[in-house]
Amino acid sequence: MNAKELSTFKELLLAKKETILKSIKNTKEEGKDYTTTEVGDSVDIASNSYEREVLFELSDNERKQLVDIDIALKKIEDKDFGTCEDCGGKISVERLEAVPTATLCINCQTKKDSK
């Protein structure tokens, strides 16, 4: 992969990272809204509990995305970005455009998904 392509993917990944960090910040702010100590009926309590759980689950997913982005950024730095971790072949640019954190080529990903 040439330097221009690596730079483009680095910018894309950094933008995604910034978006996720903003989303996590907003989620934390929303989570504070659910920490009220008002007493409600059991339906209100269950509803608030479910909403808090969804907010925290989103944060877990976002944290995983951040880890994947950081791994991809490290691979760009090491000039190893776009190399399949299973077969060592190249991951297509089209696949990386769709999933910039992809670590497997489409063939290896398909094999993994079919197991």
PDB file of N, CA and C in Angstrom:
ATOM      1  N   MET A   1       0.855  -1.162   0.000  1.00  0.00           N
ATOM      2  CA  MET A   1       0.000   0.000   0.000  1.00  0.00           C
ATOM      3  C   MET A   1       0.908   1.233   0.000  1.00  0.00           C
ATOM      4  N   ASN A   2       0.567   2.193  -0.846  1.00  0.00           N
ATOM      5  CA  ASN A   2       1.427   3.370  -0.957  1.00  0.00           C
ATOM      6  C   ASN A   2       1.158   4.381   0.163  1.00  0.00           C
ATOM      7  N   ALA A   3       2.048   5.353   0.283  1.00  0.00           N
ATOM      8  CA  ALA A   3       1.986   6.334   1.373  1.00  0.00           C
ATOM      9  C   ALA A   3       0.701   7.162   1.326  1.00  0.00           C
ATOM     10  N   LYS A   4       0.238   7.489   0.137  1.00  0.00           N
ATOM     11  CA  LYS A   4      -0.988   8.284   0.013  1.00  0.00           C
ATOM     12  C   LYS A   4      -2.199   7.504   0.536  1.00  0.00           C
ATOM     13  N   GLU A   5      -2.284   6.220   0.179  1.00  0.00           N
ATOM     14  CA  GLU A   5      -3.387   5.386   0.660  1.00  0.00           C
ATOM     15  C   GLU A   5      -3.323   5.242   2.178  1.00  0.00           C
ATOM     16  N   LEU A   6      -2.128   5.017   2.710  1.00  0.00           N
ATOM     17  CA  LEU A   6      -1.974   4.904   4.164  1.00  0.00           C
ATOM     18  C   LEU A   6      -2.415   6.182   4.857  1.00  0.00           C
ATOM     19  N   SER A   7      -2.044   7.323   4.294  1.00  0.00           N
ATOM     20  CA  SER A   7      -2.423   8.610   4.868  1.00  0.00           C
ATOM     21  C   SER A   7      -3.941   8.797   4.845  1.00  0.00           C
ATOM     22  N   THR A   8      -4.557   8.392   3.753  1.00  0.00           N
ATOM     23  CA  THR A   8      -6.017   8.504   3.627  1.00  0.00           C
ATOM     24  C   THR A   8      -6.709   7.646   4.684  1.00  0.00           C
ATOM     25  N   PHE A   9      -6.245   6.415   4.849  1.00  0.00           N
ATOM     26  CA  PHE A   9      -6.849   5.530   5.859  1.00  0.00           C
ATOM     27  C   PHE A   9      -6.580   6.041   7.268  1.00  0.00           C
ATOM     28  N   LYS A  10      -5.418   6.609   7.499  1.00  0.00           N
ATOM     29  CA  LYS A  10      -5.109   7.168   8.817  1.00  0.00           C
ATOM     30  C   LYS A  10      -6.078   8.304   9.144  1.00  0.00           C
ATOM     31  N   GLU A  11      -6.321   9.190   8.190  1.00  0.00           N
ATOM     32  CA  GLU A  11      -7.272  10.292   8.403  1.00  0.00           C
ATOM     33  C   GLU A  11      -8.674   9.756   8.666  1.00  0.00           C
ATOM     34  N   LEU A  12      -9.081   8.747   7.901  1.00  0.00           N
ATOM     35  CA  LEU A  12     -10.396   8.140   8.083  1.00  0.00           C
ATOM     36  C   LEU A  12     -10.535   7.542   9.476  1.00  0.00           C
ATOM     37  N   LEU A  13      -9.521   6.798   9.899  1.00  0.00           N
ATOM     38  CA  LEU A  13      -9.556   6.160  11.221  1.00  0.00           C
ATOM     39  C   LEU A  13      -9.549   7.196  12.346  1.00  0.00           C
ATOM     40  N   LEU A  14      -8.751   8.246  12.202  1.00  0.00           N
ATOM     41  CA  LEU A  14      -8.722   9.295  13.232  1.00  0.00           C
ATOM     42  C   LEU A  14     -10.063  10.013  13.322  1.00  0.00           C
ATOM     43  N   ALA A  15     -10.720  10.223  12.183  1.00  0.00           N
ATOM     44  CA  ALA A  15     -12.048  10.856  12.190  1.00  0.00           C
ATOM     45  C   ALA A  15     -13.066   9.951  12.883  1.00  0.00           C
ATOM     46  N   LYS A  16     -13.014   8.645  12.596  1.00  0.00           N
ATOM     47  CA  LYS A  16     -13.923   7.694  13.254  1.00  0.00           C
ATOM     48  C   LYS A  16     -13.680   7.681  14.760  1.00  0.00           C
ATOM     49  N   LYS A  17     -12.415   7.722  15.137  1.00  0.00           N
ATOM     50  CA  LYS A  17     -12.063   7.716  16.554  1.00  0.00           C
ATOM     51  C   LYS A  17     -12.633   8.949  17.246  1.00  0.00           C
ATOM     52  N   GLU A  18     -12.499  10.095  16.622  1.00  0.00           N
ATOM     53  CA  GLU A  18     -13.025  11.328  17.197  1.00  0.00           C
ATOM     54  C   GLU A  18     -14.545  11.264  17.344  1.00  0.00           C
ATOM     55  N   THR A  19     -15.213  10.723  16.342  1.00  0.00           N
ATOM     56  CA  THR A  19     -16.668  10.583  16.390  1.00  0.00           C
ATOM     57  C   THR A  19     -17.090   9.678  17.551  1.00  0.00           C
ATOM     58  N   ILE A  20     -16.391   8.577  17.722  1.00  0.00           N
ATOM     59  CA  ILE A  20     -16.716   7.640  18.799  1.00  0.00           C
ATOM     60  C   ILE A  20     -16.467   8.282  20.163  1.00  0.00           C
ATOM     61  N   LEU A  21     -15.360   8.987  20.296  1.00  0.00           N
ATOM     62  CA  LEU A  21     -15.064   9.644  21.571  1.00  0.00           C
ATOM     63  C   LEU A  21     -16.133  10.670  21.926  1.00  0.00           C
ATOM     64  N   LYS A  22     -16.607  11.403  20.939  1.00  0.00           N
ATOM     65  CA  LYS A  22     -17.699  12.355  21.179  1.00  0.00           C
ATOM     66  C   LYS A  22     -18.966  11.620  21.588  1.00  0.00           C
ATOM     67  N   SER A  23     -19.234  10.490  20.930  1.00  0.00           N
ATOM     68  CA  SER A  23     -20.420   9.700  21.256  1.00  0.00           C
ATOM     69  C   SER A  23     -20.352   9.162  22.680  1.00  0.00           C
ATOM     70  N   ILE A  24     -19.170   8.693  23.093  1.00  0.00           N
ATOM     71  CA  ILE A  24     -19.003   8.196  24.460  1.00  0.00           C
ATOM     72  C   ILE A  24     -19.229   9.315  25.460  1.00  0.00           C
ATOM     73  N   LYS A  25     -18.707  10.486  25.144  1.00  0.00           N
ATOM     74  CA  LYS A  25     -18.906  11.632  26.036  1.00  0.00           C
ATOM     75  C   LYS A  25     -20.396  11.944  26.171  1.00  0.00           C
ATOM     76  N   ASN A  26     -21.119  11.928  25.046  1.00  0.00           N
ATOM     77  CA  ASN A  26     -22.556  12.188  25.080  1.00  0.00           C
ATOM     78  C   ASN A  26     -23.295  11.098  25.852  1.00  0.00           C
ATOM     79  N   THR A  27     -22.863   9.845  25.685  1.00  0.00           N
ATOM     80  CA  THR A  27     -23.488   8.736  26.396  1.00  0.00           C
ATOM     81  C   THR A  27     -23.302   8.900  27.904  1.00  0.00           C
ATOM     82  N   LYS A  28     -22.099   9.303  28.297  1.00  0.00           N
ATOM     83  CA  LYS A  28     -21.848   9.528  29.731  1.00  0.00           C
ATOM     84  C   LYS A  28     -22.748  10.631  30.257  1.00  0.00           C
ATOM     85  N   GLU A  29     -22.927  11.678  29.477  1.00  0.00           N
ATOM     86  CA  GLU A  29     -23.801  12.774  29.900  1.00  0.00           C
ATOM     87  C   GLU A  29     -25.245  12.283  30.035  1.00  0.00           C
ATOM     88  N   GLU A  30     -25.690  11.453  29.073  1.00  0.00           N
ATOM     89  CA  GLU A  30     -27.049  10.910  29.140  1.00  0.00           C
ATOM     90  C   GLU A  30     -27.189   9.988  30.344  1.00  0.00           C
ATOM     91  N   GLY A  31     -26.147   9.222  30.637  1.00  0.00           N
ATOM     92  CA  GLY A  31     -26.177   8.304  31.775  1.00  0.00           C
ATOM     93  C   GLY A  31     -26.364   9.035  33.084  1.00  0.00           C
ATOM     94  N   LYS A  32     -25.829  10.246  33.178  1.00  0.00           N
ATOM     95  CA  LYS A  32     -25.996  11.042  34.402  1.00  0.00           C
ATOM     96  C   LYS A  32     -27.458  11.387  34.624  1.00  0.00           C
ATOM     97  N   ASP A  33     -28.212  11.517  33.526  1.00  0.00           N
ATOM     98  CA  ASP A  33     -29.632  11.840  33.650  1.00  0.00           C
ATOM     99  C   ASP A  33     -30.416  10.717  34.327  1.00  0.00           C
ATOM    100  N   TYR A  34     -29.892   9.490  34.281  1.00  0.00           N
ATOM    101  CA  TYR A  34     -30.608   8.354  34.853  1.00  0.00           C
ATOM    102  C   TYR A  34     -30.223   8.071  36.293  1.00  0.00           C
ATOM    103  N   THR A  35     -29.436   8.919  36.888  1.00  0.00           N
ATOM    104  CA  THR A  35     -28.994   8.656  38.255  1.00  0.00           C
ATOM    105  C   THR A  35     -29.845   9.382  39.286  1.00  0.00           C
ATOM    106  N   THR A  36     -31.008   9.824  38.889  1.00  0.00           N
ATOM    107  CA  THR A  36     -31.879  10.509  39.836  1.00  0.00           C
ATOM    108  C   THR A  36     -32.352   9.537  40.900  1.00  0.00           C
ATOM    109  N   THR A  37     -32.693  10.068  42.047  1.00  0.00           N
ATOM    110  CA  THR A  37     -33.126   9.209  43.149  1.00  0.00           C
ATOM    111  C   THR A  37     -34.633   9.292  43.359  1.00  0.00           C
ATOM    112  N   GLU A  38     -35.324   9.792  42.359  1.00  0.00           N
ATOM    113  CA  GLU A  38     -36.782   9.870  42.487  1.00  0.00           C
ATOM    114  C   GLU A  38     -37.360   8.461  42.562  1.00  0.00           C
ATOM    115  N   VAL A  39     -38.416   8.344  43.346  1.00  0.00           N
ATOM    116  CA  VAL A  39     -39.074   7.055  43.486  1.00  0.00           C
ATOM    117  C   VAL A  39     -40.191   6.990  42.461  1.00  0.00           C
ATOM    118  N   GLY A  40     -40.250   5.904  41.720  1.00  0.00           N
ATOM    119  CA  GLY A  40     -41.298   5.714  40.733  1.00  0.00           C
ATOM    120  C   GLY A  40     -41.885   4.335  40.893  1.00  0.00           C
ATOM    121  N   ASP A  41     -42.872   4.039  40.057  1.00  0.00           N
ATOM    122  CA  ASP A  41     -43.435   2.690  40.146  1.00  0.00           C
ATOM    123  C   ASP A  41     -42.486   1.693  39.494  1.00  0.00           C
ATOM    124  N   SER A  42     -42.793   0.431  39.620  1.00  0.00           N
ATOM    125  CA  SER A  42     -41.872  -0.615  39.142  1.00  0.00           C
ATOM    126  C   SER A  42     -41.656  -0.551  37.631  1.00  0.00           C
ATOM    127  N   VAL A  43     -42.640  -0.097  36.875  1.00  0.00           N
ATOM    128  CA  VAL A  43     -42.488   0.028  35.426  1.00  0.00           C
ATOM    129  C   VAL A  43     -41.477   1.123  35.103  1.00  0.00           C
ATOM    130  N   ASP A  44     -41.556   2.253  35.805  1.00  0.00           N
ATOM    131  CA  ASP A  44     -40.588   3.334  35.593  1.00  0.00           C
ATOM    132  C   ASP A  44     -39.177   2.871  35.925  1.00  0.00           C
ATOM    133  N   ILE A  45     -39.036   2.164  37.026  1.00  0.00           N
ATOM    134  CA  ILE A  45     -37.731   1.685  37.456  1.00  0.00           C
ATOM    135  C   ILE A  45     -37.161   0.706  36.425  1.00  0.00           C
ATOM    136  N   ALA A  46     -37.990  -0.223  35.961  1.00  0.00           N
ATOM    137  CA  ALA A  46     -37.546  -1.197  34.962  1.00  0.00           C
ATOM    138  C   ALA A  46     -37.158  -0.501  33.660  1.00  0.00           C
ATOM    139  N   SER A  47     -37.935   0.472  33.253  1.00  0.00           N
ATOM    140  CA  SER A  47     -37.652   1.206  32.021  1.00  0.00           C
ATOM    141  C   SER A  47     -36.329   1.956  32.124  1.00  0.00           C
ATOM    142  N   ASN A  48     -36.122   2.642  33.251  1.00  0.00           N
ATOM    143  CA  ASN A  48     -34.874   3.377  33.450  1.00  0.00           C
ATOM    144  C   ASN A  48     -33.680   2.426  33.508  1.00  0.00           C
ATOM    145  N   SER A  49     -33.851   1.281  34.139  1.00  0.00           N
ATOM    146  CA  SER A  49     -32.785   0.296  34.233  1.00  0.00           C
ATOM    147  C   SER A  49     -32.414  -0.215  32.845  1.00  0.00           C
ATOM    148  N   TYR A  50     -33.413  -0.507  32.029  1.00  0.00           N
ATOM    149  CA  TYR A  50     -33.171  -0.991  30.673  1.00  0.00           C
ATOM    150  C   TYR A  50     -32.438   0.074  29.851  1.00  0.00           C
ATOM    151  N   GLU A  51     -32.864   1.317  29.959  1.00  0.00           N
ATOM    152  CA  GLU A  51     -32.227   2.400  29.202  1.00  0.00           C
ATOM    153  C   GLU A  51     -30.773   2.586  29.631  1.00  0.00           C
ATOM    154  N   ARG A  52     -30.495   2.499  30.924  1.00  0.00           N
ATOM    155  CA  ARG A  52     -29.109   2.590  31.410  1.00  0.00           C
ATOM    156  C   ARG A  52     -28.272   1.444  30.857  1.00  0.00           C
ATOM    157  N   GLU A  53     -28.848   0.240  30.861  1.00  0.00           N
ATOM    158  CA  GLU A  53     -28.136  -0.925  30.352  1.00  0.00           C
ATOM    159  C   GLU A  53     -27.794  -0.751  28.874  1.00  0.00           C
ATOM    160  N   VAL A  54     -28.712  -0.247  28.084  1.00  0.00           N
ATOM    161  CA  VAL A  54     -28.468  -0.009  26.663  1.00  0.00           C
ATOM    162  C   VAL A  54     -27.358   1.011  26.484  1.00  0.00           C
ATOM    163  N   LEU A  55     -27.381   2.080  27.270  1.00  0.00           N
ATOM    164  CA  LEU A  55     -26.341   3.103  27.174  1.00  0.00           C
ATOM    165  C   LEU A  55     -24.963   2.525  27.485  1.00  0.00           C
ATOM    166  N   PHE A  56     -24.856   1.712  28.529  1.00  0.00           N
ATOM    167  CA  PHE A  56     -23.571   1.131  28.895  1.00  0.00           C
ATOM    168  C   PHE A  56     -23.112   0.106  27.868  1.00  0.00           C
ATOM    169  N   GLU A  57     -24.058  -0.639  27.276  1.00  0.00           N
ATOM    170  CA  GLU A  57     -23.708  -1.609  26.247  1.00  0.00           C
ATOM    171  C   GLU A  57     -23.151  -0.891  25.021  1.00  0.00           C
ATOM    172  N   LEU A  58     -23.736   0.228  24.657  1.00  0.00           N
ATOM    173  CA  LEU A  58     -23.221   1.008  23.540  1.00  0.00           C
ATOM    174  C   LEU A  58     -21.783   1.434  23.835  1.00  0.00           C
ATOM    175  N   SER A  59     -21.526   1.825  25.051  1.00  0.00           N
ATOM    176  CA  SER A  59     -20.170   2.226  25.415  1.00  0.00           C
ATOM    177  C   SER A  59     -19.192   1.067  25.256  1.00  0.00           C
ATOM    178  N   ASP A  60     -19.588  -0.145  25.624  1.00  0.00           N
ATOM    179  CA  ASP A  60     -18.714  -1.304  25.462  1.00  0.00           C
ATOM    180  C   ASP A  60     -18.389  -1.529  23.988  1.00  0.00           C
ATOM    181  N   ASN A  61     -19.402  -1.420  23.134  1.00  0.00           N
ATOM    182  CA  ASN A  61     -19.193  -1.577  21.701  1.00  0.00           C
ATOM    183  C   ASN A  61     -18.267  -0.483  21.175  1.00  0.00           C
ATOM    184  N   GLU A  62     -18.471   0.724  21.647  1.00  0.00           N
ATOM    185  CA  GLU A  62     -17.624   1.836  21.208  1.00  0.00           C
ATOM    186  C   GLU A  62     -16.189   1.645  21.687  1.00  0.00           C
ATOM    187  N   ARG A  63     -16.018   1.121  22.892  1.00  0.00           N
ATOM    188  CA  ARG A  63     -14.661   0.854  23.382  1.00  0.00           C
ATOM    189  C   ARG A  63     -13.956  -0.181  22.508  1.00  0.00           C
ATOM    190  N   LYS A  64     -14.677  -1.206  22.098  1.00  0.00           N
ATOM    191  CA  LYS A  64     -14.095  -2.215  21.209  1.00  0.00           C
ATOM    192  C   LYS A  64     -13.705  -1.577  19.878  1.00  0.00           C
ATOM    193  N   GLN A  65     -14.555  -0.710  19.363  1.00  0.00           N
ATOM    194  CA  GLN A  65     -14.230  -0.025  18.112  1.00  0.00           C
ATOM    195  C   GLN A  65     -12.970   0.822  18.271  1.00  0.00           C
ATOM    196  N   LEU A  66     -12.834   1.486  19.414  1.00  0.00           N
ATOM    197  CA  LEU A  66     -11.636   2.298  19.656  1.00  0.00           C
ATOM    198  C   LEU A  66     -10.384   1.435  19.680  1.00  0.00           C
ATOM    199  N   VAL A  67     -10.463   0.279  20.316  1.00  0.00           N
ATOM    200  CA  VAL A  67      -9.320  -0.637  20.353  1.00  0.00           C
ATOM    201  C   VAL A  67      -8.965  -1.068  18.926  1.00  0.00           C
ATOM    202  N   ASP A  68      -9.981  -1.435  18.137  1.00  0.00           N
ATOM    203  CA  ASP A  68      -9.744  -1.853  16.755  1.00  0.00           C
ATOM    204  C   ASP A  68      -9.122  -0.728  15.932  1.00  0.00           C
ATOM    205  N   ILE A  69      -9.576   0.500  16.152  1.00  0.00           N
ATOM    206  CA  ILE A  69      -9.018   1.653  15.438  1.00  0.00           C
ATOM    207  C   ILE A  69      -7.565   1.860  15.843  1.00  0.00           C
ATOM    208  N   ASP A  70      -7.284   1.773  17.133  1.00  0.00           N
ATOM    209  CA  ASP A  70      -5.900   1.946  17.589  1.00  0.00           C
ATOM    210  C   ASP A  70      -4.979   0.875  17.009  1.00  0.00           C
ATOM    211  N   ILE A  71      -5.473  -0.350  16.903  1.00  0.00           N
ATOM    212  CA  ILE A  71      -4.688  -1.426  16.294  1.00  0.00           C
ATOM    213  C   ILE A  71      -4.413  -1.104  14.828  1.00  0.00           C
ATOM    214  N   ALA A  72      -5.441  -0.640  14.112  1.00  0.00           N
ATOM    215  CA  ALA A  72      -5.267  -0.288  12.702  1.00  0.00           C
ATOM    216  C   ALA A  72      -4.289   0.869  12.543  1.00  0.00           C
ATOM    217  N   LEU A  73      -4.372   1.869  13.429  1.00  0.00           N
ATOM    218  CA  LEU A  73      -3.437   3.002  13.362  1.00  0.00           C
ATOM    219  C   LEU A  73      -2.006   2.549  13.615  1.00  0.00           C
ATOM    220  N   LYS A  74      -1.827   1.614  14.539  1.00  0.00           N
ATOM    221  CA  LYS A  74      -0.496   1.076  14.812  1.00  0.00           C
ATOM    222  C   LYS A  74       0.032   0.327  13.589  1.00  0.00           C
ATOM    223  N   LYS A  75      -0.855  -0.403  12.915  1.00  0.00           N
ATOM    224  CA  LYS A  75      -0.448  -1.126  11.706  1.00  0.00           C
ATOM    225  C   LYS A  75      -0.041  -0.145  10.601  1.00  0.00           C
ATOM    226  N   ILE A  76      -0.734   0.983  10.513  1.00  0.00           N
ATOM    227  CA  ILE A  76      -0.352   2.007   9.537  1.00  0.00           C
ATOM    228  C   ILE A  76       1.042   2.519   9.868  1.00  0.00           C
ATOM    229  N   GLU A  77       1.270   2.797  11.131  1.00  0.00           N
ATOM    230  CA  GLU A  77       2.571   3.287  11.589  1.00  0.00           C
ATOM    231  C   GLU A  77       3.678   2.275  11.275  1.00  0.00           C
ATOM    232  N   ASP A  78       3.366   0.994  11.456  1.00  0.00           N
ATOM    233  CA  ASP A  78       4.341  -0.071  11.218  1.00  0.00           C
ATOM    234  C   ASP A  78       4.411  -0.496   9.750  1.00  0.00           C
ATOM    235  N   LYS A  79       3.622   0.163   8.903  1.00  0.00           N
ATOM    236  CA  LYS A  79       3.551  -0.176   7.459  1.00  0.00           C
ATOM    237  C   LYS A  79       3.065  -1.604   7.238  1.00  0.00           C
ATOM    238  N   ASP A  80       2.204  -2.070   8.130  1.00  0.00           N
ATOM    239  CA  ASP A  80       1.661  -3.422   8.042  1.00  0.00           C
ATOM    240  C   ASP A  80       0.152  -3.399   7.782  1.00  0.00           C
ATOM    241  N   PHE A  81      -0.397  -2.217   7.592  1.00  0.00           N
ATOM    242  CA  PHE A  81      -1.836  -2.054   7.380  1.00  0.00           C
ATOM    243  C   PHE A  81      -2.235  -2.694   6.051  1.00  0.00           C
ATOM    244  N   GLY A  82      -3.344  -3.418   6.067  1.00  0.00           N
ATOM    245  CA  GLY A  82      -3.853  -4.027   4.842  1.00  0.00           C
ATOM    246  C   GLY A  82      -3.330  -5.423   4.586  1.00  0.00           C
ATOM    247  N   THR A  83      -2.659  -5.999   5.576  1.00  0.00           N
ATOM    248  CA  THR A  83      -2.150  -7.363   5.459  1.00  0.00           C
ATOM    249  C   THR A  83      -3.027  -8.297   6.283  1.00  0.00           C
ATOM    250  N   CYS A  84      -3.495  -9.358   5.672  1.00  0.00           N
ATOM    251  CA  CYS A  84      -4.361 -10.323   6.346  1.00  0.00           C
ATOM    252  C   CYS A  84      -3.577 -11.039   7.441  1.00  0.00           C
ATOM    253  N   GLU A  85      -4.167 -11.106   8.624  1.00  0.00           N
ATOM    254  CA  GLU A  85      -3.505 -11.755   9.759  1.00  0.00           C
ATOM    255  C   GLU A  85      -3.477 -13.277   9.646  1.00  0.00           C
ATOM    256  N   ASP A  86      -4.341 -13.854   8.804  1.00  0.00           N
ATOM    257  CA  ASP A  86      -4.351 -15.314   8.660  1.00  0.00           C
ATOM    258  C   ASP A  86      -3.426 -15.790   7.547  1.00  0.00           C
ATOM    259  N   CYS A  87      -3.638 -15.291   6.341  1.00  0.00           N
ATOM    260  CA  CYS A  87      -2.891 -15.817   5.195  1.00  0.00           C
ATOM    261  C   CYS A  87      -1.703 -14.951   4.793  1.00  0.00           C
ATOM    262  N   GLY A  88      -1.624 -13.727   5.340  1.00  0.00           N
ATOM    263  CA  GLY A  88      -0.520 -12.842   4.996  1.00  0.00           C
ATOM    264  C   GLY A  88      -0.689 -12.116   3.674  1.00  0.00           C
ATOM    265  N   GLY A  89      -1.799 -12.370   2.995  1.00  0.00           N
ATOM    266  CA  GLY A  89      -2.078 -11.696   1.730  1.00  0.00           C
ATOM    267  C   GLY A  89      -2.570 -10.276   1.960  1.00  0.00           C
ATOM    268  N   LYS A  90      -2.823  -9.587   0.858  1.00  0.00           N
ATOM    269  CA  LYS A  90      -3.302  -8.211   0.958  1.00  0.00           C
ATOM    270  C   LYS A  90      -4.818  -8.187   1.120  1.00  0.00           C
ATOM    271  N   ILE A  91      -5.271  -7.283   1.975  1.00  0.00           N
ATOM    272  CA  ILE A  91      -6.700  -7.018   2.117  1.00  0.00           C
ATOM    273  C   ILE A  91      -7.023  -5.969   1.060  1.00  0.00           C
ATOM    274  N   SER A  92      -8.070  -6.207   0.275  1.00  0.00           N
ATOM    275  CA  SER A  92      -8.382  -5.293  -0.823  1.00  0.00           C
ATOM    276  C   SER A  92      -8.716  -3.891  -0.301  1.00  0.00           C
ATOM    277  N   VAL A  93      -8.371  -2.898  -1.097  1.00  0.00           N
ATOM    278  CA  VAL A  93      -8.665  -1.505  -0.745  1.00  0.00           C
ATOM    279  C   VAL A  93     -10.167  -1.323  -0.583  1.00  0.00           C
ATOM    280  N   GLU A  94     -10.948  -1.997  -1.428  1.00  0.00           N
ATOM    281  CA  GLU A  94     -12.408  -1.890  -1.343  1.00  0.00           C
ATOM    282  C   GLU A  94     -12.908  -2.385   0.018  1.00  0.00           C
ATOM    283  N   ARG A  95     -12.340  -3.492   0.486  1.00  0.00           N
ATOM    284  CA  ARG A  95     -12.735  -4.008   1.807  1.00  0.00           C
ATOM    285  C   ARG A  95     -12.327  -3.037   2.902  1.00  0.00           C
ATOM    286  N   LEU A  96     -11.123  -2.493   2.815  1.00  0.00           N
ATOM    287  CA  LEU A  96     -10.656  -1.547   3.827  1.00  0.00           C
ATOM    288  C   LEU A  96     -11.458  -0.248   3.802  1.00  0.00           C
ATOM    289  N   GLU A  97     -11.931   0.143   2.642  1.00  0.00           N
ATOM    290  CA  GLU A  97     -12.795   1.331   2.575  1.00  0.00           C
ATOM    291  C   GLU A  97     -14.110   1.072   3.298  1.00  0.00           C
ATOM    292  N   ALA A  98     -14.612  -0.154   3.172  1.00  0.00           N
ATOM    293  CA  ALA A  98     -15.868  -0.515   3.835  1.00  0.00           C
ATOM    294  C   ALA A  98     -15.659  -0.768   5.321  1.00  0.00           C
ATOM    295  N   VAL A  99     -14.554  -1.449   5.664  1.00  0.00           N
ATOM    296  CA  VAL A  99     -14.251  -1.801   7.055  1.00  0.00           C
ATOM    297  C   VAL A  99     -12.770  -1.492   7.291  1.00  0.00           C
ATOM    298  N   PRO A 100     -12.446  -0.247   7.624  1.00  0.00           N
ATOM    299  CA  PRO A 100     -11.044   0.129   7.751  1.00  0.00           C
ATOM    300  C   PRO A 100     -10.286  -0.584   8.875  1.00  0.00           C
ATOM    301  N   THR A 101     -10.997  -1.227   9.770  1.00  0.00           N
ATOM    302  CA  THR A 101     -10.347  -1.963  10.858  1.00  0.00           C
ATOM    303  C   THR A 101     -10.238  -3.459  10.554  1.00  0.00           C
ATOM    304  N   ALA A 102     -10.547  -3.841   9.326  1.00  0.00           N
ATOM    305  CA  ALA A 102     -10.496  -5.260   8.946  1.00  0.00           C
ATOM    306  C   ALA A 102      -9.084  -5.805   9.139  1.00  0.00           C
ATOM    307  N   THR A 103      -9.011  -6.990   9.703  1.00  0.00           N
ATOM    308  CA  THR A 103      -7.713  -7.640   9.911  1.00  0.00           C
ATOM    309  C   THR A 103      -7.570  -8.886   9.043  1.00  0.00           C
ATOM    310  N   LEU A 104      -8.650  -9.253   8.368  1.00  0.00           N
ATOM    311  CA  LEU A 104      -8.644 -10.441   7.515  1.00  0.00           C
ATOM    312  C   LEU A 104      -9.094 -10.077   6.106  1.00  0.00           C
ATOM    313  N   CYS A 105      -8.514 -10.740   5.110  1.00  0.00           N
ATOM    314  CA  CYS A 105      -9.000 -10.557   3.743  1.00  0.00           C
ATOM    315  C   CYS A 105     -10.398 -11.176   3.656  1.00  0.00           C
ATOM    316  N   ILE A 106     -11.089 -10.895   2.586  1.00  0.00           N
ATOM    317  CA  ILE A 106     -12.473 -11.363   2.468  1.00  0.00           C
ATOM    318  C   ILE A 106     -12.544 -12.890   2.475  1.00  0.00           C
ATOM    319  N   ASN A 107     -11.574 -13.571   1.859  1.00  0.00           N
ATOM    320  CA  ASN A 107     -11.595 -15.042   1.840  1.00  0.00           C
ATOM    321  C   ASN A 107     -11.429 -15.618   3.245  1.00  0.00           C
ATOM    322  N   CYS A 108     -10.467 -15.108   3.996  1.00  0.00           N
ATOM    323  CA  CYS A 108     -10.244 -15.607   5.362  1.00  0.00           C
ATOM    324  C   CYS A 108     -11.411 -15.240   6.276  1.00  0.00           C
ATOM    325  N   GLN A 109     -11.985 -14.069   6.087  1.00  0.00           N
ATOM    326  CA  GLN A 109     -13.148 -13.667   6.895  1.00  0.00           C
ATOM    327  C   GLN A 109     -14.334 -14.571   6.612  1.00  0.00           C
ATOM    328  N   THR A 110     -14.543 -14.900   5.343  1.00  0.00           N
ATOM    329  CA  THR A 110     -15.634 -15.789   4.951  1.00  0.00           C
ATOM    330  C   THR A 110     -15.451 -17.171   5.578  1.00  0.00           C
ATOM    331  N   LYS A 111     -14.217 -17.688   5.527  1.00  0.00           N
ATOM    332  CA  LYS A 111     -13.932 -18.988   6.145  1.00  0.00           C
ATOM    333  C   LYS A 111     -14.202 -18.936   7.652  1.00  0.00           C
ATOM    334  N   LYS A 112     -13.769 -17.860   8.287  1.00  0.00           N
ATOM    335  CA  LYS A 112     -13.972 -17.713   9.736  1.00  0.00           C
ATOM    336  C   LYS A 112     -15.465 -17.641  10.075  1.00  0.00           C
ATOM    337  N   ASP A 113     -16.222 -16.901   9.274  1.00  0.00           N
ATOM    338  CA  ASP A 113     -17.658 -16.744   9.537  1.00  0.00           C
ATOM    339  C   ASP A 113     -18.440 -18.031   9.314  1.00  0.00           C
ATOM    340  N   SER A 114     -17.946 -18.897   8.442  1.00  0.00           N
ATOM    341  CA  SER A 114     -18.686 -20.130   8.136  1.00  0.00           C
ATOM    342  C   SER A 114     -18.437 -21.230   9.163  1.00  0.00           C
ATOM    343  N   LYS A 115     -17.485 -21.003  10.075  1.00  0.00           N
ATOM    344  CA  LYS A 115     -17.187 -22.013  11.106  1.00  0.00           C
ATOM    345  C   LYS A 115     -18.179 -21.986  12.213  1.00  0.00           C
TER     346      LYS A 115
END
